[in-house]
Amino acid sequence: MTLAIHPGDCYLINFPSNPTRHLQVVITSVEENTGNFVMVGIESVHKRSDRTKILHPNEHPFIIRDSAVTYRLADVYSLKWLKEKIDSGNADKKESMPHGVLKRICDGLLSSDQTRQRVREFFINATWKLESQG
């Protein structure tokens, strides 16, 4: 089975370093040559949360309390990695993020001081290609 993902697709994913599944949002298209894409997590707001972008209840069906986008944990992932997570039962697809909310999340990736430079560069390159094709 080939996995097709798009910006705005959401997954509830279990990471070995954290026993609680968190909502993850795909924010770029898949890079054709590598199969890589950027995904960012969402967590309930707490004292140390990055406050660049806060999502509110009802902005996505899974969000039931104010939640922060975790730009410090945004990363470049591969389709192979995500497919293995799904196949092993450690990732479940959820409803896609509404376009307006996705745009706010993407804007925050560029403005947050917690976004790693390599993630920022991949994002800029991926979105520049999309805009130049349109």
C-alpha atoms as a PDB file:
ATOM      1  CA  MET A   1       0.000   0.000   0.000  1.00  0.00           C
ATOM      2  CA  THR A   2       1.264   3.449  -0.908  1.00  0.00           C
ATOM      3  CA  LEU A   3       0.669   6.153   1.641  1.00  0.00           C
ATOM      4  CA  ALA A   4      -0.547   9.491   0.266  1.00  0.00           C
ATOM      5  CA  ILE A   5      -0.475  12.454   2.614  1.00  0.00           C
ATOM      6  CA  HIS A   6      -1.234  16.142   2.168  1.00  0.00           C
ATOM      7  CA  PRO A   7      -0.749  19.359   4.121  1.00  0.00           C
ATOM      8  CA  GLY A   8      -3.381  19.459   6.857  1.00  0.00           C
ATOM      9  CA  ASP A   9      -3.530  15.697   7.376  1.00  0.00           C
ATOM     10  CA  CYS A  10      -3.556  14.874  11.086  1.00  0.00           C
ATOM     11  CA  TYR A  11      -2.382  11.802  12.955  1.00  0.00           C
ATOM     12  CA  LEU A  12      -2.523  10.793  16.581  1.00  0.00           C
ATOM     13  CA  ILE A  13       0.968   9.374  17.107  1.00  0.00           C
ATOM     14  CA  ASN A  14       2.720   7.528  19.892  1.00  0.00           C
ATOM     15  CA  PHE A  15       6.414   8.421  20.238  1.00  0.00           C
ATOM     16  CA  PRO A  16       8.685   6.160  22.341  1.00  0.00           C
ATOM     17  CA  SER A  17       9.875   9.168  24.382  1.00  0.00           C
ATOM     18  CA  ASN A  18       6.309  10.092  25.407  1.00  0.00           C
ATOM     19  CA  PRO A  19       3.650   7.537  26.369  1.00  0.00           C
ATOM     20  CA  THR A  20       0.802   9.966  25.592  1.00  0.00           C
ATOM     21  CA  ARG A  21      -0.282  10.199  21.969  1.00  0.00           C
ATOM     22  CA  HIS A  22      -0.306  13.718  20.575  1.00  0.00           C
ATOM     23  CA  LEU A  23      -1.962  15.184  17.526  1.00  0.00           C
ATOM     24  CA  GLN A  24       0.540  15.771  14.720  1.00  0.00           C
ATOM     25  CA  VAL A  25      -0.176  17.918  11.671  1.00  0.00           C
ATOM     26  CA  VAL A  26       1.461  17.514   8.256  1.00  0.00           C
ATOM     27  CA  ILE A  27       2.347  21.032   7.096  1.00  0.00           C
ATOM     28  CA  THR A  28       4.176  20.463   3.800  1.00  0.00           C
ATOM     29  CA  SER A  29       3.661  18.339   0.741  1.00  0.00           C
ATOM     30  CA  VAL A  30       5.856  15.279   0.432  1.00  0.00           C
ATOM     31  CA  GLU A  31       9.183  16.040  -1.230  1.00  0.00           C
ATOM     32  CA  GLU A  32       9.115  13.977  -4.406  1.00  0.00           C
ATOM     33  CA  ASN A  33      12.713  12.683  -4.409  1.00  0.00           C
ATOM     34  CA  THR A  34      13.076  11.837  -0.719  1.00  0.00           C
ATOM     35  CA  GLY A  35       9.542  11.150   0.486  1.00  0.00           C
ATOM     36  CA  ASN A  36      10.111  13.636   3.327  1.00  0.00           C
ATOM     37  CA  PHE A  37       7.693  16.163   4.808  1.00  0.00           C
ATOM     38  CA  VAL A  38       7.369  18.413   7.874  1.00  0.00           C
ATOM     39  CA  MET A  39       5.025  17.583  10.714  1.00  0.00           C
ATOM     40  CA  VAL A  40       4.387  19.576  13.884  1.00  0.00           C
ATOM     41  CA  GLY A  41       2.739  18.512  17.126  1.00  0.00           C
ATOM     42  CA  ILE A  42      -0.056  19.962  19.219  1.00  0.00           C
ATOM     43  CA  GLU A  43      -0.105  19.789  23.032  1.00  0.00           C
ATOM     44  CA  SER A  44      -2.271  21.169  25.812  1.00  0.00           C
ATOM     45  CA  VAL A  45      -1.039  24.584  26.916  1.00  0.00           C
ATOM     46  CA  HIS A  46       1.195  24.501  29.986  1.00  0.00           C
ATOM     47  CA  LYS A  47       3.642  26.912  31.643  1.00  0.00           C
ATOM     48  CA  ARG A  48       6.520  26.234  29.257  1.00  0.00           C
ATOM     49  CA  SER A  49       4.477  26.055  26.047  1.00  0.00           C
ATOM     50  CA  ASP A  50       5.552  28.030  23.014  1.00  0.00           C
ATOM     51  CA  ARG A  51       2.784  30.633  22.724  1.00  0.00           C
ATOM     52  CA  THR A  52       3.476  31.530  19.100  1.00  0.00           C
ATOM     53  CA  LYS A  53       0.223  29.885  17.986  1.00  0.00           C
ATOM     54  CA  ILE A  54      -2.505  28.739  20.349  1.00  0.00           C
ATOM     55  CA  LEU A  55      -5.360  26.655  18.978  1.00  0.00           C
ATOM     56  CA  HIS A  56      -8.735  26.758  20.676  1.00  0.00           C
ATOM     57  CA  PRO A  57     -11.490  24.187  21.230  1.00  0.00           C
ATOM     58  CA  ASN A  58     -13.529  23.469  18.119  1.00  0.00           C
ATOM     59  CA  GLU A  59     -10.825  24.660  15.709  1.00  0.00           C
ATOM     60  CA  HIS A  60     -10.302  20.921  15.119  1.00  0.00           C
ATOM     61  CA  PRO A  61     -12.544  18.102  16.387  1.00  0.00           C
ATOM     62  CA  PHE A  62      -9.706  16.604  18.463  1.00  0.00           C
ATOM     63  CA  ILE A  63      -8.861  19.885  20.236  1.00  0.00           C
ATOM     64  CA  ILE A  64     -10.969  20.185  23.384  1.00  0.00           C
ATOM     65  CA  ARG A  65      -8.861  22.723  25.335  1.00  0.00           C
ATOM     66  CA  ASP A  66      -6.449  25.516  24.469  1.00  0.00           C
ATOM     67  CA  SER A  67      -3.483  23.854  22.793  1.00  0.00           C
ATOM     68  CA  ALA A  68      -0.054  25.040  21.719  1.00  0.00           C
ATOM     69  CA  VAL A  69       1.735  24.169  18.514  1.00  0.00           C
ATOM     70  CA  THR A  70       5.052  22.596  19.571  1.00  0.00           C
ATOM     71  CA  TYR A  71       7.451  24.154  17.092  1.00  0.00           C
ATOM     72  CA  ARG A  72      10.460  22.946  19.119  1.00  0.00           C
ATOM     73  CA  LEU A  73       9.448  19.388  18.200  1.00  0.00           C
ATOM     74  CA  ALA A  74       8.584  20.061  14.552  1.00  0.00           C
ATOM     75  CA  ASP A  75      10.672  17.800  12.367  1.00  0.00           C
ATOM     76  CA  VAL A  76      11.218  16.362   8.933  1.00  0.00           C
ATOM     77  CA  TYR A  77       9.750  12.864   8.695  1.00  0.00           C
ATOM     78  CA  SER A  78       9.631  10.258   5.944  1.00  0.00           C
ATOM     79  CA  LEU A  79       6.659   8.481   4.415  1.00  0.00           C
ATOM     80  CA  LYS A  80       8.364   5.203   5.334  1.00  0.00           C
ATOM     81  CA  TRP A  81       8.514   6.225   9.013  1.00  0.00           C
ATOM     82  CA  LEU A  82       4.830   7.268   9.072  1.00  0.00           C
ATOM     83  CA  LYS A  83       3.718   4.092   7.277  1.00  0.00           C
ATOM     84  CA  GLU A  84       5.618   1.977   9.847  1.00  0.00           C
ATOM     85  CA  LYS A  85       3.896   3.903  12.672  1.00  0.00           C
ATOM     86  CA  ILE A  86       0.474   3.304  11.095  1.00  0.00           C
ATOM     87  CA  ASP A  87       1.172  -0.371  10.358  1.00  0.00           C
ATOM     88  CA  SER A  88       2.369  -0.987  13.941  1.00  0.00           C
ATOM     89  CA  GLY A  89      -0.739   0.649  15.438  1.00  0.00           C
ATOM     90  CA  ASN A  90       1.213   3.649  16.784  1.00  0.00           C
ATOM     91  CA  ALA A  91      -0.453   6.224  14.516  1.00  0.00           C
ATOM     92  CA  ASP A  92      -4.111   6.802  13.692  1.00  0.00           C
ATOM     93  CA  LYS A  93      -5.400   9.197  11.051  1.00  0.00           C
ATOM     94  CA  LYS A  94      -7.712  11.912  12.344  1.00  0.00           C
ATOM     95  CA  GLU A  95      -9.768  14.610  10.655  1.00  0.00           C
ATOM     96  CA  SER A  96      -7.742  17.047   8.558  1.00  0.00           C
ATOM     97  CA  MET A  97      -6.909  20.478   9.947  1.00  0.00           C
ATOM     98  CA  PRO A  98      -9.111  23.232   8.470  1.00  0.00           C
ATOM     99  CA  HIS A  99      -7.252  25.347   5.899  1.00  0.00           C
ATOM    100  CA  GLY A 100      -7.359  28.599   7.891  1.00  0.00           C
ATOM    101  CA  VAL A 101      -5.967  26.907  11.013  1.00  0.00           C
ATOM    102  CA  LEU A 102      -3.291  25.150   8.928  1.00  0.00           C
ATOM    103  CA  LYS A 103      -2.205  28.519   7.526  1.00  0.00           C
ATOM    104  CA  ARG A 104      -1.857  29.932  11.067  1.00  0.00           C
ATOM    105  CA  ILE A 105       0.224  26.893  12.083  1.00  0.00           C
ATOM    106  CA  CYS A 106       2.498  27.366   9.045  1.00  0.00           C
ATOM    107  CA  ASP A 107       2.911  31.084   9.716  1.00  0.00           C
ATOM    108  CA  GLY A 108       3.928  30.255  13.278  1.00  0.00           C
ATOM    109  CA  LEU A 109       6.633  27.842  12.135  1.00  0.00           C
ATOM    110  CA  LEU A 110       8.443  30.751  10.519  1.00  0.00           C
ATOM    111  CA  SER A 111       7.939  33.168  13.412  1.00  0.00           C
ATOM    112  CA  SER A 112       8.640  30.876  16.386  1.00  0.00           C
ATOM    113  CA  ASP A 113      12.119  31.158  17.856  1.00  0.00           C
ATOM    114  CA  GLN A 114      11.833  27.475  18.836  1.00  0.00           C
ATOM    115  CA  THR A 115      11.757  26.121  15.258  1.00  0.00           C
ATOM    116  CA  ARG A 116      15.000  24.356  14.349  1.00  0.00           C
ATOM    117  CA  GLN A 117      16.807  25.938  11.400  1.00  0.00           C
ATOM    118  CA  ARG A 118      16.880  22.772   9.269  1.00  0.00           C
ATOM    119  CA  VAL A 119      13.093  22.385   9.693  1.00  0.00           C
ATOM    120  CA  ARG A 120      12.553  26.039   8.796  1.00  0.00           C
ATOM    121  CA  GLU A 121      14.723  25.628   5.665  1.00  0.00           C
ATOM    122  CA  PHE A 122      12.917  22.456   4.548  1.00  0.00           C
ATOM    123  CA  PHE A 123       9.564  24.197   5.071  1.00  0.00           C
ATOM    124  CA  ILE A 124      10.590  27.291   3.091  1.00  0.00           C
ATOM    125  CA  ASN A 125      11.948  25.182   0.236  1.00  0.00           C
ATOM    126  CA  ALA A 126       8.848  22.952   0.148  1.00  0.00           C
ATOM    127  CA  THR A 127       6.341  25.804   0.239  1.00  0.00           C
ATOM    128  CA  TRP A 128       8.314  27.928  -2.248  1.00  0.00           C
ATOM    129  CA  LYS A 129       8.078  25.077  -4.763  1.00  0.00           C
ATOM    130  CA  LEU A 130       4.322  24.853  -4.214  1.00  0.00           C
ATOM    131  CA  GLU A 131       3.804  28.593  -4.667  1.00  0.00           C
ATOM    132  CA  SER A 132       5.978  28.741  -7.799  1.00  0.00           C
ATOM    133  CA  GLN A 133       3.918  25.976  -9.464  1.00  0.00           C
ATOM    134  CA  GLY A 134       0.603  27.757  -8.916  1.00  0.00           C
END
